[in-house]
Amino acid sequence: MRTFSLLKGMPVFTISGERIGTVHDLSISESGQVIGLVIHQQALFKRAFHLQLTDITSYGQDGIVIKLKDSAAKKMPEDTLCFTKDELLGRMLFSEMGEELGLLQDVYFKEKMGTIIAYETTDGFFSESTVIQSKQPPTFGKDTIIVSVYEQ
């Protein structure tokens, strides 16, 4: 299980040892699955590309290793949202019963499958965070995210 906050800024290496960039964002499908990472490449001008979860060999404490031997840029799939770019981070979470759960601060997901299993929320800058577990995929609205917090 991983959180986005632990991955953000982590270096990404190919299996042959070439550093290709750092994790910048998390891409999530409209159905609520984490499908990949957005990587910023080290270059004169920052370039970003999409890395699918299936391309990742291992998640280490200090870096991520991928299967690809070259760092060919891949475009972001069209039906995805990004955790920070599309402002999911900081969006209000509600239960399907209309209960306000707090502002989204982080997501917990299974690395291999991409399944989001919990959300970290906060009520504000100086309040403690709360981890909310969910077994169902979220619904992304324009202003809020609806999650199932009840057994089904």
Protein backbone atom coordinates (compact mmCIF):
# COMPACT_ATOMS: atom_id res chain seq x y z
CA MET A 1 0.00 0.00 0.00
CA ARG A 2 1.31 3.46 -0.93
CA THR A 3 0.27 7.05 -0.49
CA PHE A 4 0.75 9.74 -3.09
CA SER A 5 2.54 12.00 -0.60
CA LEU A 6 5.28 9.36 -0.16
CA LEU A 7 5.74 9.02 -3.94
CA LYS A 8 5.73 12.72 -4.88
CA GLY A 9 9.25 13.87 -5.73
CA MET A 10 10.67 10.32 -5.70
CA PRO A 11 13.26 9.61 -8.43
CA VAL A 12 12.39 7.13 -11.20
CA PHE A 13 15.07 4.86 -12.70
CA THR A 14 15.07 2.41 -15.60
CA ILE A 15 16.12 -1.19 -14.99
CA SER A 16 19.47 -0.26 -16.59
CA GLY A 17 20.08 2.46 -13.98
CA GLU A 18 19.20 5.58 -15.99
CA ARG A 19 17.41 8.26 -13.97
CA ILE A 20 14.51 9.49 -16.09
CA GLY A 21 12.85 11.96 -13.75
CA THR A 22 10.76 12.35 -10.61
CA VAL A 23 7.17 11.60 -9.67
CA HIS A 24 5.09 14.73 -10.07
CA ASP A 25 1.47 13.59 -10.01
CA LEU A 26 -0.88 10.63 -9.77
CA SER A 27 -3.26 9.79 -12.63
CA ILE A 28 -6.66 8.39 -11.71
CA SER A 29 -9.25 6.99 -14.12
CA GLU A 30 -12.78 8.34 -14.08
CA SER A 31 -13.80 5.03 -12.48
CA GLY A 32 -11.58 5.78 -9.46
CA GLN A 33 -8.55 3.53 -10.16
CA VAL A 34 -4.97 4.79 -9.95
CA ILE A 35 -3.61 3.96 -13.40
CA GLY A 36 -0.22 5.63 -13.39
CA LEU A 37 2.20 8.32 -12.41
CA VAL A 38 3.06 11.59 -14.11
CA ILE A 39 6.85 11.88 -14.34
CA HIS A 40 8.79 15.10 -14.89
CA GLN A 41 11.89 14.43 -16.94
CA GLN A 42 15.24 16.02 -16.21
CA ALA A 43 15.90 18.29 -19.20
CA LEU A 44 16.53 21.89 -20.12
CA PHE A 45 12.76 22.32 -20.40
CA LYS A 46 10.63 20.25 -18.06
CA ARG A 47 8.73 17.59 -19.94
CA ALA A 48 6.12 15.37 -18.40
CA PHE A 49 5.02 11.91 -19.45
CA HIS A 50 2.67 9.22 -18.18
CA LEU A 51 3.98 5.99 -16.67
CA GLN A 52 1.49 3.14 -16.24
CA LEU A 53 1.51 1.17 -12.97
CA THR A 54 2.18 -1.99 -15.00
CA ASP A 55 5.52 -0.50 -16.16
CA ILE A 56 6.80 -0.28 -12.57
CA THR A 57 9.07 -3.09 -11.40
CA SER A 58 9.50 -2.00 -7.79
CA TYR A 59 8.83 0.77 -5.31
CA GLY A 60 11.81 1.32 -3.06
CA GLN A 61 12.18 3.58 -0.09
CA ASP A 62 14.40 5.92 -2.11
CA GLY A 63 13.25 5.43 -5.70
CA ILE A 64 11.08 3.66 -8.24
CA VAL A 65 12.45 1.22 -10.83
CA ILE A 66 10.65 0.70 -14.14
CA LYS A 67 10.83 -2.04 -16.80
CA LEU A 68 11.33 0.27 -19.77
CA LYS A 69 14.89 0.54 -21.03
CA ASP A 70 14.25 3.81 -22.81
CA SER A 71 12.52 6.88 -21.51
CA ALA A 72 10.15 7.33 -24.45
CA ALA A 73 7.46 9.83 -23.53
CA LYS A 74 3.91 8.51 -23.28
CA LYS A 75 0.89 10.74 -23.48
CA MET A 76 -1.59 10.96 -20.65
CA PRO A 77 -4.72 8.86 -21.29
CA GLU A 78 -7.66 11.13 -22.13
CA ASP A 79 -10.12 9.83 -19.55
CA THR A 80 -7.95 10.48 -16.50
CA LEU A 81 -7.72 13.05 -13.73
CA CYS A 82 -4.53 14.11 -11.99
CA PHE A 83 -4.38 14.34 -8.22
CA THR A 84 -2.81 17.81 -8.03
CA LYS A 85 -3.22 19.22 -11.57
CA ASP A 86 -6.98 18.62 -11.66
CA GLU A 87 -7.27 19.83 -8.07
CA LEU A 88 -8.53 16.62 -6.49
CA LEU A 89 -6.18 17.47 -3.65
CA GLY A 90 -8.05 19.85 -1.35
CA ARG A 91 -11.48 18.98 -2.74
CA MET A 92 -14.26 18.25 -0.21
CA LEU A 93 -15.13 14.60 0.42
CA PHE A 94 -18.71 13.61 1.14
CA SER A 95 -20.19 10.23 2.00
CA GLU A 96 -22.93 8.89 -0.26
CA MET A 97 -25.32 9.79 2.57
CA GLY A 98 -24.35 13.50 2.30
CA GLU A 99 -22.06 13.60 5.34
CA GLU A 100 -19.12 16.01 5.00
CA LEU A 101 -15.90 14.06 5.62
CA GLY A 102 -13.26 16.78 5.18
CA LEU A 103 -10.82 18.06 2.57
CA LEU A 104 -8.87 15.43 0.61
CA GLN A 105 -5.23 15.45 1.66
CA ASP A 106 -3.89 12.12 0.36
CA VAL A 107 -4.94 8.74 -1.06
CA TYR A 108 -3.85 5.23 -0.08
CA PHE A 109 -3.73 2.75 -2.94
CA LYS A 110 -2.49 -0.74 -3.78
CA GLU A 111 0.58 -0.32 -5.99
CA LYS A 112 0.02 -3.24 -8.35
CA MET A 113 -3.75 -2.98 -8.83
CA GLY A 114 -4.22 0.78 -8.44
CA THR A 115 -7.21 0.33 -6.14
CA ILE A 116 -7.79 3.29 -3.83
CA ILE A 117 -8.53 1.84 -0.39
CA ALA A 118 -8.51 4.91 1.85
CA TYR A 119 -8.53 8.71 1.84
CA GLU A 120 -6.75 11.03 4.23
CA THR A 121 -8.80 14.11 5.05
CA THR A 122 -8.45 17.19 7.20
CA ASP A 123 -10.82 19.85 8.48
CA GLY A 124 -8.32 22.65 7.98
CA PHE A 125 -4.69 23.73 8.28
CA PHE A 126 -4.28 23.15 12.01
CA SER A 127 -6.48 20.12 12.52
CA GLU A 128 -5.44 16.50 12.64
CA SER A 129 -5.92 14.30 9.61
CA THR A 130 -8.36 11.40 9.48
CA VAL A 131 -8.06 8.24 7.39
CA ILE A 132 -11.33 7.11 5.84
CA GLN A 133 -11.52 3.62 4.36
CA SER A 134 -13.69 2.82 1.37
CA LYS A 135 -14.25 -0.40 -0.56
CA GLN A 136 -16.07 1.23 -3.48
CA PRO A 137 -14.62 3.51 -6.18
CA PRO A 138 -15.17 7.25 -5.67
CA THR A 139 -17.39 9.49 -7.77
CA PHE A 140 -15.63 12.65 -8.93
CA GLY A 141 -17.97 15.62 -9.14
CA LYS A 142 -17.16 19.11 -10.30
CA ASP A 143 -16.85 20.42 -6.75
CA THR A 144 -16.74 17.33 -4.51
CA ILE A 145 -15.77 13.69 -4.32
CA ILE A 146 -18.36 11.18 -3.14
CA VAL A 147 -17.04 8.05 -1.38
CA SER A 148 -18.74 5.02 0.08
CA VAL A 149 -17.89 4.66 3.76
CA TYR A 150 -20.51 2.06 4.64
CA GLU A 151 -20.25 -1.73 4.21
CA GLN A 152 -21.91 -2.98 1.05
